[in-house]
Amino acid sequence: MDAYIGQIEIFGFGFPPRGWALCAGQLLSIGQNQALFSLLGTTFGGDGMRTFALPDLRGRTPIGQGRGGGLSPRPIGELVGEESHTLLISETPYHVHNLWTLNDSDTSSNVNTPDPTVLLAKAAAADPDGKSLTMTPYYPIGQPNLPMAPTAIGSTGGQAHLNMMPYLALNVCIALQGLYPERG
């Protein structure tokens, strides 16, 4: 089967076949590739006088051009997206972490070991290995509505995260020669 000029195909080997070129954004001479230039123009780059560019599909996923129901319009040749992204605070959803306290009588919490009826036992002077135990509250006792201790909550993020779906790298090529496509 003959390819159409400008047809893009994926190959499982590491070189473009004869009459094809890698889709790597390279500039081609208009004079030597008039038929392909008549189809692509400067959609993917070039000066339009002496050169035009092939699409660059290295590390990119092609999507259908045009407008779909409920979708943003995508003109042919549009480059969108990024391989990694650092979230800004304005890009994270609003969320709240509520802090709840438990009021309990001194008699039920005045034990050394929790049991099914006691949620929190008092701190013992030492653990069985003889090491001392220390409990530091996030709020000083008897002083509500104070900022939380820095160890309780802090800033996160600041690092880029990978923004790519699973992928398999293959050889994407465009036909330089073949049948000239007719409009249908």
N, C-alpha and C. Protein backbone atom coordinates (compact mmCIF):
# COMPACT_ATOMS: atom_id res chain seq x y z
N MET A 1 0.84 -1.18 0.00
CA MET A 1 0.00 0.00 0.00
C MET A 1 0.89 1.24 0.00
N ASP A 2 0.61 2.16 -0.89
CA ASP A 2 1.37 3.40 -0.94
C ASP A 2 0.89 4.35 0.15
N ALA A 3 1.83 5.10 0.69
CA ALA A 3 1.50 6.09 1.71
C ALA A 3 1.07 7.39 1.03
N TYR A 4 0.29 8.17 1.74
CA TYR A 4 -0.02 9.53 1.29
C TYR A 4 1.10 10.45 1.75
N ILE A 5 1.44 11.43 0.94
CA ILE A 5 2.42 12.45 1.35
C ILE A 5 1.86 13.14 2.59
N GLY A 6 2.67 13.24 3.64
CA GLY A 6 2.24 13.86 4.89
C GLY A 6 1.62 12.89 5.88
N GLN A 7 1.45 11.63 5.48
CA GLN A 7 0.91 10.62 6.39
C GLN A 7 1.91 10.35 7.51
N ILE A 8 1.44 10.24 8.73
CA ILE A 8 2.31 9.97 9.88
C ILE A 8 2.05 8.55 10.36
N GLU A 9 3.13 7.82 10.56
CA GLU A 9 3.05 6.42 11.01
C GLU A 9 4.04 6.18 12.13
N ILE A 10 3.78 5.15 12.92
CA ILE A 10 4.67 4.72 13.99
C ILE A 10 5.34 3.43 13.55
N PHE A 11 6.66 3.37 13.73
CA PHE A 11 7.43 2.18 13.37
C PHE A 11 8.17 1.65 14.59
N GLY A 12 8.34 0.34 14.64
CA GLY A 12 9.02 -0.30 15.75
C GLY A 12 10.52 -0.42 15.58
N PHE A 13 11.07 0.11 14.51
CA PHE A 13 12.52 0.09 14.31
C PHE A 13 13.06 1.50 14.41
N GLY A 14 14.38 1.64 14.56
CA GLY A 14 14.97 2.91 14.93
C GLY A 14 15.42 3.83 13.81
N PHE A 15 14.84 3.74 12.62
CA PHE A 15 15.23 4.64 11.53
C PHE A 15 14.02 4.89 10.65
N PRO A 16 14.00 6.02 9.93
CA PRO A 16 12.89 6.25 9.00
C PRO A 16 13.10 5.44 7.72
N PRO A 17 12.06 4.80 7.20
CA PRO A 17 12.21 4.08 5.93
C PRO A 17 12.48 5.05 4.78
N ARG A 18 12.92 4.54 3.66
CA ARG A 18 13.17 5.37 2.48
C ARG A 18 11.88 6.09 2.09
N GLY A 19 11.98 7.40 1.85
CA GLY A 19 10.82 8.21 1.49
C GLY A 19 10.08 8.77 2.70
N TRP A 20 10.59 8.53 3.90
CA TRP A 20 9.99 9.01 5.15
C TRP A 20 11.03 9.81 5.91
N ALA A 21 10.59 10.61 6.87
CA ALA A 21 11.50 11.36 7.75
C ALA A 21 10.96 11.28 9.17
N LEU A 22 11.87 11.40 10.13
CA LEU A 22 11.45 11.43 11.53
C LEU A 22 10.59 12.66 11.80
N CYS A 23 9.60 12.53 12.62
CA CYS A 23 8.81 13.68 13.07
C CYS A 23 9.55 14.30 14.24
N ALA A 24 10.61 15.06 13.91
CA ALA A 24 11.50 15.62 14.94
C ALA A 24 11.62 17.13 14.81
N GLY A 25 10.70 17.78 14.11
CA GLY A 25 10.69 19.23 14.02
C GLY A 25 11.75 19.84 13.12
N GLN A 26 12.42 19.02 12.32
CA GLN A 26 13.50 19.55 11.48
C GLN A 26 12.96 20.39 10.32
N LEU A 27 13.79 21.33 9.87
CA LEU A 27 13.44 22.19 8.74
C LEU A 27 13.79 21.48 7.44
N LEU A 28 12.90 21.60 6.45
CA LEU A 28 13.13 21.06 5.12
C LEU A 28 13.06 22.19 4.11
N SER A 29 13.70 21.97 2.98
CA SER A 29 13.67 22.94 1.88
C SER A 29 12.33 22.86 1.16
N ILE A 30 11.71 24.02 0.96
CA ILE A 30 10.45 24.06 0.22
C ILE A 30 10.69 23.62 -1.22
N GLY A 31 11.79 24.09 -1.81
CA GLY A 31 12.09 23.76 -3.20
C GLY A 31 12.22 22.27 -3.45
N GLN A 32 12.72 21.52 -2.46
CA GLN A 32 12.91 20.08 -2.64
C GLN A 32 11.72 19.26 -2.15
N ASN A 33 10.74 19.91 -1.51
CA ASN A 33 9.60 19.19 -0.93
C ASN A 33 8.31 19.98 -1.15
N GLN A 34 8.07 20.40 -2.41
CA GLN A 34 6.93 21.28 -2.70
C GLN A 34 5.59 20.64 -2.39
N ALA A 35 5.44 19.36 -2.68
CA ALA A 35 4.14 18.70 -2.44
C ALA A 35 3.84 18.66 -0.93
N LEU A 36 4.84 18.29 -0.14
CA LEU A 36 4.62 18.23 1.31
C LEU A 36 4.38 19.63 1.88
N PHE A 37 5.13 20.63 1.39
CA PHE A 37 4.92 22.00 1.85
C PHE A 37 3.51 22.49 1.53
N SER A 38 2.97 22.07 0.37
CA SER A 38 1.61 22.51 0.00
C SER A 38 0.57 21.96 0.98
N LEU A 39 0.90 20.89 1.68
CA LEU A 39 -0.02 20.31 2.66
C LEU A 39 0.20 20.86 4.07
N LEU A 40 1.47 21.00 4.47
CA LEU A 40 1.78 21.41 5.84
C LEU A 40 1.92 22.92 6.01
N GLY A 41 2.40 23.60 4.97
CA GLY A 41 2.69 25.03 5.09
C GLY A 41 3.67 25.26 6.23
N THR A 42 3.46 26.33 6.97
CA THR A 42 4.34 26.63 8.12
C THR A 42 3.63 26.31 9.44
N THR A 43 2.70 25.38 9.40
CA THR A 43 1.96 24.99 10.61
C THR A 43 2.90 24.60 11.74
N PHE A 44 4.00 23.95 11.43
CA PHE A 44 4.92 23.45 12.45
C PHE A 44 6.22 24.26 12.51
N GLY A 45 6.30 25.35 11.75
CA GLY A 45 7.47 26.22 11.78
C GLY A 45 8.06 26.42 10.40
N GLY A 46 9.17 27.15 10.36
CA GLY A 46 9.82 27.49 9.10
C GLY A 46 9.50 28.92 8.71
N ASP A 47 10.25 29.45 7.71
CA ASP A 47 10.03 30.85 7.32
C ASP A 47 9.00 30.99 6.19
N GLY A 48 8.59 29.89 5.58
CA GLY A 48 7.60 29.93 4.51
C GLY A 48 8.12 30.44 3.19
N MET A 49 9.39 30.86 3.15
CA MET A 49 10.01 31.34 1.91
C MET A 49 10.96 30.26 1.36
N ARG A 50 11.82 29.78 2.24
CA ARG A 50 12.79 28.76 1.84
C ARG A 50 12.61 27.45 2.61
N THR A 51 12.04 27.55 3.83
CA THR A 51 11.96 26.36 4.68
C THR A 51 10.58 26.20 5.32
N PHE A 52 10.29 24.98 5.70
CA PHE A 52 9.13 24.65 6.52
C PHE A 52 9.56 23.53 7.46
N ALA A 53 8.85 23.37 8.56
CA ALA A 53 9.23 22.37 9.56
C ALA A 53 8.27 21.19 9.56
N LEU A 54 8.83 20.04 9.90
CA LEU A 54 8.01 18.86 10.12
C LEU A 54 7.48 18.89 11.56
N PRO A 55 6.40 18.17 11.83
CA PRO A 55 5.92 18.12 13.21
C PRO A 55 6.98 17.50 14.11
N ASP A 56 7.01 17.92 15.36
CA ASP A 56 7.95 17.36 16.34
C ASP A 56 7.16 16.54 17.34
N LEU A 57 7.16 15.23 17.16
CA LEU A 57 6.41 14.34 18.05
C LEU A 57 7.30 13.63 19.06
N ARG A 58 8.52 14.12 19.25
CA ARG A 58 9.39 13.53 20.27
C ARG A 58 8.81 13.86 21.65
N GLY A 59 8.48 12.84 22.41
CA GLY A 59 7.95 13.04 23.75
C GLY A 59 6.56 13.64 23.80
N ARG A 60 5.82 13.57 22.71
CA ARG A 60 4.48 14.16 22.63
C ARG A 60 3.45 13.09 22.24
N THR A 61 2.23 13.32 22.63
CA THR A 61 1.13 12.46 22.24
C THR A 61 0.23 13.25 21.30
N PRO A 62 -0.03 12.76 20.10
CA PRO A 62 -0.93 13.50 19.21
C PRO A 62 -2.38 13.38 19.69
N ILE A 63 -3.16 14.44 19.49
CA ILE A 63 -4.59 14.41 19.77
C ILE A 63 -5.31 14.93 18.54
N GLY A 64 -6.56 14.63 18.43
CA GLY A 64 -7.34 15.09 17.28
C GLY A 64 -7.53 16.60 17.31
N GLN A 65 -7.35 17.25 16.17
CA GLN A 65 -7.54 18.70 16.07
C GLN A 65 -9.00 19.00 15.91
N GLY A 66 -9.37 20.24 16.19
CA GLY A 66 -10.75 20.67 16.01
C GLY A 66 -11.44 20.91 17.33
N ARG A 67 -12.76 20.87 17.28
CA ARG A 67 -13.60 21.16 18.44
C ARG A 67 -14.50 19.96 18.69
N GLY A 68 -14.58 19.56 19.94
CA GLY A 68 -15.47 18.48 20.33
C GLY A 68 -16.43 18.97 21.39
N GLY A 69 -17.52 18.27 21.57
CA GLY A 69 -18.51 18.66 22.56
C GLY A 69 -17.92 18.77 23.95
N GLY A 70 -17.98 19.95 24.54
CA GLY A 70 -17.46 20.17 25.88
C GLY A 70 -15.95 20.25 25.97
N LEU A 71 -15.27 20.26 24.85
CA LEU A 71 -13.81 20.31 24.83
C LEU A 71 -13.32 21.65 24.30
N SER A 72 -12.09 21.99 24.65
CA SER A 72 -11.48 23.20 24.11
C SER A 72 -11.12 22.98 22.65
N PRO A 73 -11.26 24.00 21.80
CA PRO A 73 -10.85 23.84 20.40
C PRO A 73 -9.33 23.68 20.32
N ARG A 74 -8.88 22.79 19.46
CA ARG A 74 -7.45 22.54 19.28
C ARG A 74 -7.09 22.71 17.80
N PRO A 75 -6.43 23.82 17.47
CA PRO A 75 -6.00 23.99 16.08
C PRO A 75 -4.85 23.04 15.75
N ILE A 76 -4.77 22.63 14.51
CA ILE A 76 -3.69 21.74 14.10
C ILE A 76 -2.35 22.43 14.33
N GLY A 77 -1.42 21.72 14.90
CA GLY A 77 -0.09 22.26 15.17
C GLY A 77 0.08 22.86 16.56
N GLU A 78 -1.00 22.94 17.36
CA GLU A 78 -0.90 23.54 18.70
C GLU A 78 -0.09 22.63 19.63
N LEU A 79 0.87 23.23 20.35
CA LEU A 79 1.67 22.52 21.35
C LEU A 79 1.18 22.92 22.73
N VAL A 80 0.76 21.95 23.54
CA VAL A 80 0.25 22.22 24.88
C VAL A 80 0.81 21.16 25.82
N GLY A 81 0.99 21.53 27.07
CA GLY A 81 1.38 20.56 28.09
C GLY A 81 2.84 20.67 28.46
N GLU A 82 3.20 19.97 29.50
CA GLU A 82 4.57 19.97 29.99
C GLU A 82 4.88 18.62 30.61
N GLU A 83 6.13 18.24 30.53
CA GLU A 83 6.55 16.94 31.02
C GLU A 83 6.53 16.86 32.54
N SER A 84 6.90 17.94 33.21
CA SER A 84 6.82 17.99 34.67
C SER A 84 6.28 19.35 35.07
N HIS A 85 5.74 19.42 36.28
CA HIS A 85 5.08 20.65 36.71
C HIS A 85 5.20 20.80 38.22
N THR A 86 5.52 21.99 38.68
CA THR A 86 5.52 22.31 40.10
C THR A 86 4.23 23.03 40.42
N LEU A 87 3.43 22.43 41.30
CA LEU A 87 2.14 23.02 41.65
C LEU A 87 2.34 24.29 42.46
N LEU A 88 1.55 25.28 42.15
CA LEU A 88 1.49 26.51 42.94
C LEU A 88 0.38 26.34 43.98
N ILE A 89 0.44 27.09 45.04
CA ILE A 89 -0.61 27.01 46.06
C ILE A 89 -1.97 27.30 45.43
N SER A 90 -2.02 28.22 44.46
CA SER A 90 -3.28 28.56 43.81
C SER A 90 -3.85 27.41 42.97
N GLU A 91 -3.04 26.39 42.68
CA GLU A 91 -3.50 25.25 41.88
C GLU A 91 -3.94 24.07 42.73
N THR A 92 -3.78 24.17 44.03
CA THR A 92 -4.19 23.06 44.90
C THR A 92 -5.60 23.31 45.39
N PRO A 93 -6.39 22.26 45.54
CA PRO A 93 -7.76 22.45 46.01
C PRO A 93 -7.78 22.88 47.48
N TYR A 94 -8.79 23.66 47.82
CA TYR A 94 -8.96 24.10 49.20
C TYR A 94 -9.31 22.88 50.04
N HIS A 95 -8.70 22.77 51.19
CA HIS A 95 -9.05 21.71 52.12
C HIS A 95 -8.74 22.15 53.54
N VAL A 96 -9.39 21.51 54.49
CA VAL A 96 -9.26 21.87 55.90
C VAL A 96 -8.96 20.61 56.68
N HIS A 97 -8.11 20.73 57.65
CA HIS A 97 -7.84 19.64 58.59
C HIS A 97 -8.40 20.06 59.94
N ASN A 98 -9.49 19.46 60.36
CA ASN A 98 -10.08 19.78 61.65
C ASN A 98 -9.30 19.09 62.76
N LEU A 99 -9.18 19.76 63.88
CA LEU A 99 -8.52 19.19 65.05
C LEU A 99 -9.58 19.03 66.12
N TRP A 100 -9.72 17.82 66.59
CA TRP A 100 -10.73 17.53 67.60
C TRP A 100 -10.02 17.17 68.89
N THR A 101 -10.64 17.52 70.00
CA THR A 101 -10.10 17.14 71.30
C THR A 101 -11.10 16.24 72.00
N LEU A 102 -10.60 15.50 72.96
CA LEU A 102 -11.44 14.57 73.69
C LEU A 102 -11.41 14.97 75.16
N ASN A 103 -12.55 15.25 75.72
CA ASN A 103 -12.64 15.52 77.15
C ASN A 103 -12.94 14.22 77.86
N ASP A 104 -12.13 13.91 78.86
CA ASP A 104 -12.29 12.66 79.58
C ASP A 104 -12.07 12.95 81.06
N SER A 105 -12.69 12.17 81.91
CA SER A 105 -12.50 12.40 83.35
C SER A 105 -11.12 11.94 83.78
N ASP A 106 -10.63 12.54 84.84
CA ASP A 106 -9.31 12.17 85.36
C ASP A 106 -9.25 10.71 85.77
N THR A 107 -10.35 10.17 86.23
CA THR A 107 -10.31 8.80 86.72
C THR A 107 -10.12 7.80 85.59
N SER A 108 -10.72 8.07 84.42
CA SER A 108 -10.57 7.10 83.34
C SER A 108 -9.24 7.24 82.62
N SER A 109 -8.62 8.43 82.67
CA SER A 109 -7.34 8.58 81.98
C SER A 109 -6.15 8.52 82.92
N ASN A 110 -6.42 8.22 84.18
CA ASN A 110 -5.34 8.16 85.17
C ASN A 110 -4.82 6.73 85.31
N VAL A 111 -4.63 6.09 84.17
CA VAL A 111 -4.08 4.73 84.15
C VAL A 111 -2.84 4.74 83.29
N ASN A 112 -2.00 3.73 83.45
CA ASN A 112 -0.74 3.68 82.70
C ASN A 112 -0.88 3.01 81.34
N THR A 113 -1.93 2.23 81.14
CA THR A 113 -2.07 1.47 79.91
C THR A 113 -3.46 1.67 79.34
N PRO A 114 -3.59 1.99 78.03
CA PRO A 114 -4.92 2.10 77.44
C PRO A 114 -5.63 0.75 77.44
N ASP A 115 -6.93 0.76 77.51
CA ASP A 115 -7.72 -0.46 77.37
C ASP A 115 -8.99 -0.10 76.60
N PRO A 116 -9.88 -1.04 76.35
CA PRO A 116 -11.06 -0.73 75.52
C PRO A 116 -11.92 0.41 76.04
N THR A 117 -11.86 0.73 77.34
CA THR A 117 -12.69 1.81 77.87
C THR A 117 -11.90 3.10 78.07
N VAL A 118 -10.59 3.08 77.83
CA VAL A 118 -9.74 4.25 78.03
C VAL A 118 -9.03 4.55 76.71
N LEU A 119 -9.31 5.71 76.13
CA LEU A 119 -8.71 6.05 74.84
C LEU A 119 -7.26 6.47 74.96
N LEU A 120 -6.91 7.16 76.04
CA LEU A 120 -5.55 7.67 76.17
C LEU A 120 -5.11 7.55 77.61
N ALA A 121 -4.01 6.86 77.82
CA ALA A 121 -3.48 6.69 79.18
C ALA A 121 -2.48 7.79 79.45
N LYS A 122 -2.19 8.00 80.74
CA LYS A 122 -1.18 9.00 81.10
C LYS A 122 0.20 8.48 80.73
N ALA A 123 1.15 9.37 80.60
CA ALA A 123 2.51 8.96 80.28
C ALA A 123 3.15 8.35 81.51
N ALA A 124 3.75 7.20 81.34
CA ALA A 124 4.47 6.56 82.45
C ALA A 124 5.84 7.21 82.58
N ALA A 125 6.45 7.06 83.73
CA ALA A 125 7.77 7.66 83.95
C ALA A 125 8.81 7.02 83.06
N ALA A 126 8.69 5.76 82.78
CA ALA A 126 9.68 5.07 81.95
C ALA A 126 9.01 3.90 81.26
N ASP A 127 9.54 3.52 80.09
CA ASP A 127 9.01 2.35 79.43
C ASP A 127 9.68 1.11 80.02
N PRO A 128 9.27 -0.09 79.61
CA PRO A 128 9.85 -1.30 80.20
C PRO A 128 11.37 -1.40 80.05
N ASP A 129 11.94 -0.74 79.05
CA ASP A 129 13.39 -0.79 78.87
C ASP A 129 14.11 0.26 79.70
N GLY A 130 13.39 1.02 80.49
CA GLY A 130 14.01 2.02 81.35
C GLY A 130 14.22 3.37 80.69
N LYS A 131 13.76 3.55 79.47
CA LYS A 131 13.90 4.84 78.79
C LYS A 131 12.74 5.74 79.19
N SER A 132 13.02 7.02 79.39
CA SER A 132 11.95 7.93 79.79
C SER A 132 11.07 8.27 78.60
N LEU A 133 9.82 8.54 78.89
CA LEU A 133 8.85 8.92 77.86
C LEU A 133 8.45 10.37 78.08
N THR A 134 8.38 11.14 76.99
CA THR A 134 7.99 12.54 77.09
C THR A 134 6.84 12.78 76.12
N MET A 135 5.82 13.46 76.58
CA MET A 135 4.71 13.85 75.71
C MET A 135 4.70 15.36 75.61
N THR A 136 4.72 15.88 74.36
CA THR A 136 4.67 17.32 74.14
C THR A 136 3.37 17.65 73.43
N PRO A 137 2.48 18.40 74.07
CA PRO A 137 1.22 18.74 73.39
C PRO A 137 1.46 19.78 72.30
N TYR A 138 0.59 19.75 71.27
CA TYR A 138 0.67 20.77 70.22
C TYR A 138 0.14 22.10 70.71
N TYR A 139 -0.79 22.07 71.64
CA TYR A 139 -1.32 23.28 72.25
C TYR A 139 -0.93 23.29 73.72
N PRO A 140 -0.45 24.40 74.23
CA PRO A 140 -0.22 24.46 75.68
C PRO A 140 -1.55 24.28 76.40
N ILE A 141 -1.53 23.54 77.47
CA ILE A 141 -2.75 23.23 78.22
C ILE A 141 -3.39 24.52 78.72
N GLY A 142 -4.69 24.64 78.50
CA GLY A 142 -5.45 25.78 79.00
C GLY A 142 -5.35 27.02 78.13
N GLN A 143 -4.72 26.96 76.97
CA GLN A 143 -4.60 28.14 76.11
C GLN A 143 -5.12 27.81 74.71
N PRO A 144 -6.44 27.83 74.52
CA PRO A 144 -6.98 27.51 73.19
C PRO A 144 -6.74 28.64 72.19
N ASN A 145 -7.00 28.37 70.93
CA ASN A 145 -6.92 29.35 69.84
C ASN A 145 -5.52 29.90 69.63
N LEU A 146 -4.51 29.09 69.84
CA LEU A 146 -3.13 29.48 69.54
C LEU A 146 -2.72 28.84 68.23
N PRO A 147 -1.75 29.42 67.51
CA PRO A 147 -1.26 28.77 66.30
C PRO A 147 -0.67 27.40 66.63
N MET A 148 -0.82 26.48 65.71
CA MET A 148 -0.27 25.14 65.94
C MET A 148 1.25 25.18 65.94
N ALA A 149 1.82 24.24 66.63
CA ALA A 149 3.28 24.13 66.67
C ALA A 149 3.79 23.81 65.27
N PRO A 150 4.99 24.28 64.88
CA PRO A 150 5.53 24.00 63.54
C PRO A 150 5.62 22.51 63.24
N THR A 151 5.77 21.69 64.27
CA THR A 151 5.85 20.25 64.02
C THR A 151 4.50 19.65 63.68
N ALA A 152 3.41 20.39 63.93
CA ALA A 152 2.07 19.86 63.68
C ALA A 152 1.65 20.02 62.23
N ILE A 153 2.08 21.09 61.61
CA ILE A 153 1.67 21.35 60.23
C ILE A 153 2.72 22.22 59.57
N GLY A 154 2.96 22.02 58.33
CA GLY A 154 3.95 22.83 57.63
C GLY A 154 3.67 22.88 56.15
N SER A 155 4.47 23.64 55.45
CA SER A 155 4.33 23.75 54.00
C SER A 155 4.81 22.47 53.34
N THR A 156 4.22 22.18 52.20
CA THR A 156 4.65 21.02 51.42
C THR A 156 4.91 21.48 50.01
N GLY A 157 5.38 20.56 49.20
CA GLY A 157 5.55 20.84 47.78
C GLY A 157 6.83 21.56 47.46
N GLY A 158 6.81 22.27 46.32
CA GLY A 158 7.98 22.99 45.86
C GLY A 158 8.81 22.20 44.87
N GLN A 159 8.48 20.93 44.69
CA GLN A 159 9.22 20.09 43.75
C GLN A 159 8.31 19.73 42.57
N ALA A 160 8.90 19.65 41.41
CA ALA A 160 8.13 19.25 40.23
C ALA A 160 7.75 17.78 40.33
N HIS A 161 6.60 17.44 39.78
CA HIS A 161 6.20 16.04 39.72
C HIS A 161 6.03 15.65 38.25
N LEU A 162 6.23 14.38 37.96
CA LEU A 162 6.09 13.89 36.59
C LEU A 162 4.64 14.04 36.17
N ASN A 163 4.43 14.51 34.98
CA ASN A 163 3.10 14.84 34.50
C ASN A 163 2.77 14.02 33.26
N MET A 164 3.28 12.80 33.17
CA MET A 164 3.13 12.00 31.96
C MET A 164 2.39 10.70 32.26
N MET A 165 1.54 10.29 31.31
CA MET A 165 0.91 8.99 31.42
C MET A 165 1.95 7.92 31.07
N PRO A 166 1.69 6.66 31.37
CA PRO A 166 2.64 5.61 30.97
C PRO A 166 2.87 5.67 29.46
N TYR A 167 4.07 5.38 29.04
CA TYR A 167 4.39 5.53 27.62
C TYR A 167 5.34 4.44 27.14
N LEU A 168 5.41 4.29 25.83
CA LEU A 168 6.35 3.41 25.15
C LEU A 168 6.91 4.22 23.99
N ALA A 169 8.21 4.45 23.99
CA ALA A 169 8.83 5.26 22.93
C ALA A 169 8.97 4.43 21.66
N LEU A 170 8.50 4.96 20.56
CA LEU A 170 8.61 4.33 19.24
C LEU A 170 9.05 5.39 18.24
N ASN A 171 9.25 4.99 17.01
CA ASN A 171 9.75 5.85 15.95
C ASN A 171 8.57 6.42 15.15
N VAL A 172 8.34 7.73 15.25
CA VAL A 172 7.22 8.37 14.54
C VAL A 172 7.78 9.07 13.30
N CYS A 173 7.23 8.73 12.14
CA CYS A 173 7.76 9.25 10.87
C CYS A 173 6.63 9.82 10.01
N ILE A 174 7.02 10.69 9.08
CA ILE A 174 6.09 11.31 8.14
C ILE A 174 6.53 10.97 6.72
N ALA A 175 5.57 10.67 5.85
CA ALA A 175 5.88 10.32 4.46
C ALA A 175 6.24 11.57 3.67
N LEU A 176 7.41 11.55 3.05
CA LEU A 176 7.86 12.65 2.18
C LEU A 176 7.42 12.41 0.74
N GLN A 177 7.19 11.16 0.40
CA GLN A 177 6.84 10.77 -0.97
C GLN A 177 5.60 9.88 -0.92
N GLY A 178 4.93 9.75 -2.05
CA GLY A 178 3.77 8.88 -2.13
C GLY A 178 2.66 9.54 -2.91
N LEU A 179 1.44 9.15 -2.61
CA LEU A 179 0.27 9.68 -3.29
C LEU A 179 -0.10 11.04 -2.70
N TYR A 180 -0.49 11.97 -3.57
CA TYR A 180 -0.95 13.26 -3.07
C TYR A 180 -2.40 13.10 -2.64
N PRO A 181 -2.73 13.43 -1.38
CA PRO A 181 -4.10 13.20 -0.90
C PRO A 181 -5.10 14.16 -1.55
N GLU A 182 -6.22 13.60 -2.00
CA GLU A 182 -7.30 14.42 -2.55
C GLU A 182 -8.32 14.69 -1.46
N ARG A 183 -8.91 15.86 -1.50
CA ARG A 183 -9.96 16.17 -0.52
C ARG A 183 -11.19 15.32 -0.81
N GLY A 184 -11.80 14.83 0.26
CA GLY A 184 -12.93 13.92 0.10
C GLY A 184 -14.25 14.54 0.17
